[in-house]
Amino acid sequence: MSFITVRLPFDVNGDVVKELLSTAWWFKMATHRVLSLARQQQVLPGTRIGWKNTFRDIAYGVIPNRRYADGAVILVMGIYESCRSLGVDFRSVELADWLMFQQSELEYPNRNITLKPNYEFHVTTVRYDGVIGRVVIKPTIPRNYKELLDAILTERIKYVGKVLIDGVGARAINYGFTVRFK
């Protein structure tokens, strides 16, 4: 299975920044928690379903959204698989300094990071107090991606959404969406 990754930059400020930052922070905390517990296991699951069954409740206890919790679990599973293939000790790996959040599964419509007509993304957020919200983002769409995004909408192509925070300035925050589909 091959994927295409589409990066769509956008700038936001105000309350939207707060909600996206808090969601990324909760996602990072859930990922750290899953990684910490996975390192303590003598035997780790061999499948995606096994990883989710083993660690979903732990991640969901941190970020109260099943799709984002599963995204944190699958991220740690990917780290584990990369360590195995590279011969690196999984227990010695540390997470880099990043802020992002993602789902783990291909779906259409993507329920947490939803592409809408007019190239808007409706993003489910988790505020610092744990309240679930939704914000609307209008990224910059390069001309060569418009046809691709139209195809996602009209042909109902399943995709995985990810929000990556690249930098925070005094007035705005720079983000990128990553849309992966087969």
C-alpha atoms as a PDB file:
ATOM      1  CA  MET A   1       0.000   0.000   0.000  1.00  0.00           C
ATOM      2  CA  SER A   2       1.413   3.398  -0.928  1.00  0.00           C
ATOM      3  CA  PHE A   3       0.431   6.781   0.417  1.00  0.00           C
ATOM      4  CA  ILE A   4       0.517  10.337  -0.819  1.00  0.00           C
ATOM      5  CA  THR A   5       1.236  12.998   1.777  1.00  0.00           C
ATOM      6  CA  VAL A   6      -0.201  16.462   1.204  1.00  0.00           C
ATOM      7  CA  ARG A   7       1.082  19.292   3.412  1.00  0.00           C
ATOM      8  CA  LEU A   8      -1.214  22.301   3.595  1.00  0.00           C
ATOM      9  CA  PRO A   9       0.096  25.289   5.592  1.00  0.00           C
ATOM     10  CA  PHE A  10      -2.174  27.653   7.503  1.00  0.00           C
ATOM     11  CA  ASP A  11      -1.942  30.425  10.081  1.00  0.00           C
ATOM     12  CA  VAL A  12      -4.311  30.925  13.009  1.00  0.00           C
ATOM     13  CA  ASN A  13      -4.466  33.067  16.128  1.00  0.00           C
ATOM     14  CA  GLY A  14      -6.595  33.778  19.195  1.00  0.00           C
ATOM     15  CA  ASP A  15      -8.792  31.050  20.648  1.00  0.00           C
ATOM     16  CA  VAL A  16      -8.138  28.742  17.697  1.00  0.00           C
ATOM     17  CA  VAL A  17      -4.441  28.720  18.629  1.00  0.00           C
ATOM     18  CA  LYS A  18      -5.288  27.828  22.223  1.00  0.00           C
ATOM     19  CA  GLU A  19      -7.498  24.919  21.181  1.00  0.00           C
ATOM     20  CA  LEU A  20      -5.015  23.484  18.685  1.00  0.00           C
ATOM     21  CA  LEU A  21      -2.100  23.860  21.107  1.00  0.00           C
ATOM     22  CA  SER A  22      -4.020  22.204  23.930  1.00  0.00           C
ATOM     23  CA  THR A  23      -4.990  19.286  21.672  1.00  0.00           C
ATOM     24  CA  ALA A  24      -1.363  18.841  20.595  1.00  0.00           C
ATOM     25  CA  TRP A  25      -0.246  19.030  24.236  1.00  0.00           C
ATOM     26  CA  TRP A  26      -2.784  16.354  25.333  1.00  0.00           C
ATOM     27  CA  PHE A  27      -1.740  14.168  22.387  1.00  0.00           C
ATOM     28  CA  LYS A  28       1.927  14.506  23.337  1.00  0.00           C
ATOM     29  CA  MET A  29       1.172  13.615  26.985  1.00  0.00           C
ATOM     30  CA  ALA A  30      -0.800  10.539  25.860  1.00  0.00           C
ATOM     31  CA  THR A  31       2.080   9.487  23.601  1.00  0.00           C
ATOM     32  CA  HIS A  32       4.583   9.884  26.451  1.00  0.00           C
ATOM     33  CA  ARG A  33       2.354   7.829  28.763  1.00  0.00           C
ATOM     34  CA  VAL A  34       1.946   5.005  26.222  1.00  0.00           C
ATOM     35  CA  LEU A  35       5.685   5.013  25.449  1.00  0.00           C
ATOM     36  CA  SER A  36       6.524   4.858  29.151  1.00  0.00           C
ATOM     37  CA  LEU A  37       4.219   1.893  29.747  1.00  0.00           C
ATOM     38  CA  ALA A  38       5.259   0.103  26.547  1.00  0.00           C
ATOM     39  CA  ARG A  39       8.899   0.250  27.668  1.00  0.00           C
ATOM     40  CA  GLN A  40       7.955  -1.602  30.870  1.00  0.00           C
ATOM     41  CA  GLN A  41       6.304  -4.519  29.044  1.00  0.00           C
ATOM     42  CA  GLN A  42       8.177  -7.795  28.717  1.00  0.00           C
ATOM     43  CA  VAL A  43       6.256  -8.671  25.536  1.00  0.00           C
ATOM     44  CA  LEU A  44       4.564  -6.204  23.216  1.00  0.00           C
ATOM     45  CA  PRO A  45       1.637  -6.937  20.892  1.00  0.00           C
ATOM     46  CA  GLY A  46       2.349  -7.949  17.318  1.00  0.00           C
ATOM     47  CA  THR A  47      -0.602  -6.231  15.598  1.00  0.00           C
ATOM     48  CA  ARG A  48      -2.293  -2.830  15.439  1.00  0.00           C
ATOM     49  CA  ILE A  49      -5.367  -4.301  17.098  1.00  0.00           C
ATOM     50  CA  GLY A  50      -3.210  -5.773  19.854  1.00  0.00           C
ATOM     51  CA  TRP A  51      -1.532  -2.417  20.497  1.00  0.00           C
ATOM     52  CA  LYS A  52      -4.875  -0.620  20.600  1.00  0.00           C
ATOM     53  CA  ASN A  53      -6.411  -3.214  22.912  1.00  0.00           C
ATOM     54  CA  THR A  54      -3.418  -3.037  25.239  1.00  0.00           C
ATOM     55  CA  PHE A  55      -2.855   0.727  25.372  1.00  0.00           C
ATOM     56  CA  ARG A  56      -6.068   2.508  24.262  1.00  0.00           C
ATOM     57  CA  ASP A  57      -7.452   2.935  27.777  1.00  0.00           C
ATOM     58  CA  ILE A  58      -4.154   4.417  28.975  1.00  0.00           C
ATOM     59  CA  ALA A  59      -4.063   6.967  26.128  1.00  0.00           C
ATOM     60  CA  TYR A  60      -7.799   7.703  26.435  1.00  0.00           C
ATOM     61  CA  GLY A  61      -7.263   8.442  30.117  1.00  0.00           C
ATOM     62  CA  VAL A  62      -5.054  11.330  29.010  1.00  0.00           C
ATOM     63  CA  ILE A  63      -6.752  12.578  25.823  1.00  0.00           C
ATOM     64  CA  PRO A  64     -10.513  11.951  25.944  1.00  0.00           C
ATOM     65  CA  ASN A  65     -10.985  11.260  22.233  1.00  0.00           C
ATOM     66  CA  ARG A  66     -10.781   7.682  20.961  1.00  0.00           C
ATOM     67  CA  ARG A  67      -9.387   8.539  17.533  1.00  0.00           C
ATOM     68  CA  TYR A  68      -6.611  10.733  18.957  1.00  0.00           C
ATOM     69  CA  ALA A  69      -5.907   8.162  21.696  1.00  0.00           C
ATOM     70  CA  ASP A  70      -5.526   5.481  19.022  1.00  0.00           C
ATOM     71  CA  GLY A  71      -3.299   7.865  17.062  1.00  0.00           C
ATOM     72  CA  ALA A  72      -0.946   8.146  20.057  1.00  0.00           C
ATOM     73  CA  VAL A  73      -0.883   4.347  20.457  1.00  0.00           C
ATOM     74  CA  ILE A  74      -0.131   3.766  16.771  1.00  0.00           C
ATOM     75  CA  LEU A  75       2.595   6.425  16.854  1.00  0.00           C
ATOM     76  CA  VAL A  76       4.354   4.530  19.664  1.00  0.00           C
ATOM     77  CA  MET A  77       3.830   1.256  17.802  1.00  0.00           C
ATOM     78  CA  GLY A  78       5.546   2.828  14.780  1.00  0.00           C
ATOM     79  CA  ILE A  79       8.472   3.881  16.972  1.00  0.00           C
ATOM     80  CA  TYR A  80       8.744   0.331  18.304  1.00  0.00           C
ATOM     81  CA  GLU A  81       8.652  -1.179  14.807  1.00  0.00           C
ATOM     82  CA  SER A  82      11.291   1.286  13.571  1.00  0.00           C
ATOM     83  CA  CYS A  83      13.540   0.414  16.518  1.00  0.00           C
ATOM     84  CA  ARG A  84      13.187  -3.299  15.786  1.00  0.00           C
ATOM     85  CA  SER A  85      14.004  -2.899  12.112  1.00  0.00           C
ATOM     86  CA  LEU A  86      17.016  -0.645  12.862  1.00  0.00           C
ATOM     87  CA  GLY A  87      18.319  -2.741  15.746  1.00  0.00           C
ATOM     88  CA  VAL A  88      17.882   0.110  18.251  1.00  0.00           C
ATOM     89  CA  ASP A  89      16.950  -0.563  21.881  1.00  0.00           C
ATOM     90  CA  PHE A  90      13.297   0.568  22.184  1.00  0.00           C
ATOM     91  CA  ARG A  91      13.672   1.220  25.918  1.00  0.00           C
ATOM     92  CA  SER A  92      16.358   3.849  25.279  1.00  0.00           C
ATOM     93  CA  VAL A  93      14.390   5.911  22.739  1.00  0.00           C
ATOM     94  CA  GLU A  94      13.185   9.380  23.717  1.00  0.00           C
ATOM     95  CA  LEU A  95      10.530  11.441  21.979  1.00  0.00           C
ATOM     96  CA  ALA A  96      11.720  14.559  20.166  1.00  0.00           C
ATOM     97  CA  ASP A  97      10.328  17.990  20.946  1.00  0.00           C
ATOM     98  CA  TRP A  98       7.227  18.177  18.742  1.00  0.00           C
ATOM     99  CA  LEU A  99       3.608  19.279  18.838  1.00  0.00           C
ATOM    100  CA  MET A 100       1.126  17.461  16.628  1.00  0.00           C
ATOM    101  CA  PHE A 101      -1.954  15.275  16.749  1.00  0.00           C
ATOM    102  CA  GLN A 102      -3.334  12.658  14.411  1.00  0.00           C
ATOM    103  CA  GLN A 103      -5.807   9.883  13.916  1.00  0.00           C
ATOM    104  CA  SER A 104      -4.664   6.338  13.350  1.00  0.00           C
ATOM    105  CA  GLU A 105      -7.096   5.047  10.749  1.00  0.00           C
ATOM    106  CA  LEU A 106      -8.072   5.816   7.188  1.00  0.00           C
ATOM    107  CA  GLU A 107     -11.679   7.002   7.093  1.00  0.00           C
ATOM    108  CA  TYR A 108     -14.039   9.127   5.060  1.00  0.00           C
ATOM    109  CA  PRO A 109     -15.210  11.432   6.246  1.00  0.00           C
ATOM    110  CA  ASN A 110     -12.405  11.747   8.739  1.00  0.00           C
ATOM    111  CA  ARG A 111     -14.300  12.521  11.924  1.00  0.00           C
ATOM    112  CA  ASN A 112     -11.621  14.490  13.786  1.00  0.00           C
ATOM    113  CA  ILE A 113      -9.928  16.392  10.963  1.00  0.00           C
ATOM    114  CA  THR A 114     -12.703  16.706   8.422  1.00  0.00           C
ATOM    115  CA  LEU A 115     -12.220  18.128   4.932  1.00  0.00           C
ATOM    116  CA  LYS A 116     -15.270  20.156   3.899  1.00  0.00           C
ATOM    117  CA  PRO A 117     -16.232  21.908   0.643  1.00  0.00           C
ATOM    118  CA  ASN A 118     -14.355  25.166  -0.015  1.00  0.00           C
ATOM    119  CA  TYR A 119     -11.212  23.430   1.346  1.00  0.00           C
ATOM    120  CA  GLU A 120     -12.024  24.009   5.007  1.00  0.00           C
ATOM    121  CA  PHE A 121     -10.975  21.585   7.714  1.00  0.00           C
ATOM    122  CA  HIS A 122     -13.158  21.159  10.768  1.00  0.00           C
ATOM    123  CA  VAL A 123     -10.853  19.996  13.545  1.00  0.00           C
ATOM    124  CA  THR A 124     -11.951  18.360  16.787  1.00  0.00           C
ATOM    125  CA  THR A 125     -10.014  19.842  19.690  1.00  0.00           C
ATOM    126  CA  VAL A 126      -9.516  19.056  23.355  1.00  0.00           C
ATOM    127  CA  ARG A 127      -9.122  22.159  25.508  1.00  0.00           C
ATOM    128  CA  TYR A 128      -6.794  22.280  28.508  1.00  0.00           C
ATOM    129  CA  ASP A 129      -9.801  21.689  30.811  1.00  0.00           C
ATOM    130  CA  GLY A 130     -10.711  18.524  28.837  1.00  0.00           C
ATOM    131  CA  VAL A 131     -13.733  20.019  27.074  1.00  0.00           C
ATOM    132  CA  ILE A 132     -14.149  18.813  23.486  1.00  0.00           C
ATOM    133  CA  GLY A 133     -14.533  21.546  20.857  1.00  0.00           C
ATOM    134  CA  ARG A 134     -14.319  22.076  17.135  1.00  0.00           C
ATOM    135  CA  VAL A 135     -12.512  24.774  15.135  1.00  0.00           C
ATOM    136  CA  VAL A 136     -12.561  25.625  11.441  1.00  0.00           C
ATOM    137  CA  ILE A 137      -9.273  26.082   9.579  1.00  0.00           C
ATOM    138  CA  LYS A 138      -8.861  27.381   6.043  1.00  0.00           C
ATOM    139  CA  PRO A 139      -5.375  26.364   4.859  1.00  0.00           C
ATOM    140  CA  THR A 140      -3.518  27.736   1.864  1.00  0.00           C
ATOM    141  CA  ILE A 141      -4.237  25.377  -1.027  1.00  0.00           C
ATOM    142  CA  PRO A 142      -1.668  25.291  -3.834  1.00  0.00           C
ATOM    143  CA  ARG A 143      -3.271  25.052  -7.284  1.00  0.00           C
ATOM    144  CA  ASN A 144      -1.876  21.584  -7.920  1.00  0.00           C
ATOM    145  CA  TYR A 145      -3.604  20.210  -4.771  1.00  0.00           C
ATOM    146  CA  LYS A 146      -7.113  21.536  -5.473  1.00  0.00           C
ATOM    147  CA  GLU A 147      -7.894  18.706  -7.893  1.00  0.00           C
ATOM    148  CA  LEU A 148      -6.609  16.158  -5.376  1.00  0.00           C
ATOM    149  CA  LEU A 149      -8.732  17.575  -2.538  1.00  0.00           C
ATOM    150  CA  ASP A 150     -11.760  17.719  -4.824  1.00  0.00           C
ATOM    151  CA  ALA A 151     -11.230  14.020  -5.583  1.00  0.00           C
ATOM    152  CA  ILE A 152     -11.170  13.210  -1.853  1.00  0.00           C
ATOM    153  CA  LEU A 153     -14.542  14.918  -1.474  1.00  0.00           C
ATOM    154  CA  THR A 154     -16.282  13.687  -4.614  1.00  0.00           C
ATOM    155  CA  GLU A 155     -14.923  10.135  -4.657  1.00  0.00           C
ATOM    156  CA  ARG A 156     -15.133   9.755  -0.864  1.00  0.00           C
ATOM    157  CA  ILE A 157     -11.496   8.711  -0.512  1.00  0.00           C
ATOM    158  CA  LYS A 158     -10.475   7.633   2.980  1.00  0.00           C
ATOM    159  CA  TYR A 159      -7.624   9.591   4.540  1.00  0.00           C
ATOM    160  CA  VAL A 160      -5.704  10.052   7.790  1.00  0.00           C
ATOM    161  CA  GLY A 161      -5.524  13.613   9.080  1.00  0.00           C
ATOM    162  CA  LYS A 162      -2.655  15.061  11.091  1.00  0.00           C
ATOM    163  CA  VAL A 163      -2.049  18.573  12.405  1.00  0.00           C
ATOM    164  CA  LEU A 164       1.603  19.505  12.842  1.00  0.00           C
ATOM    165  CA  ILE A 165       2.621  22.680  14.653  1.00  0.00           C
ATOM    166  CA  ASP A 166       5.741  24.016  12.996  1.00  0.00           C
ATOM    167  CA  GLY A 167       6.255  27.226  14.924  1.00  0.00           C
ATOM    168  CA  VAL A 168       4.662  29.723  17.227  1.00  0.00           C
ATOM    169  CA  GLY A 169       5.124  33.437  16.695  1.00  0.00           C
ATOM    170  CA  ALA A 170       3.989  36.496  18.620  1.00  0.00           C
ATOM    171  CA  ARG A 171       0.701  36.828  16.742  1.00  0.00           C
ATOM    172  CA  ALA A 172       0.000  33.592  14.941  1.00  0.00           C
ATOM    173  CA  ILE A 173       0.847  29.964  14.742  1.00  0.00           C
ATOM    174  CA  ASN A 174       1.965  28.063  11.659  1.00  0.00           C
ATOM    175  CA  TYR A 175       0.472  24.648  11.064  1.00  0.00           C
ATOM    176  CA  GLY A 176       0.445  22.059   8.409  1.00  0.00           C
ATOM    177  CA  PHE A 177      -2.130  19.428   7.661  1.00  0.00           C
ATOM    178  CA  THR A 178      -0.898  16.104   6.486  1.00  0.00           C
ATOM    179  CA  VAL A 179      -3.475  14.169   4.543  1.00  0.00           C
ATOM    180  CA  ARG A 180      -2.428  10.578   3.812  1.00  0.00           C
ATOM    181  CA  PHE A 181      -4.496   8.342   1.608  1.00  0.00           C
ATOM    182  CA  LYS A 182      -3.888   5.306  -0.502  1.00  0.00           C
END
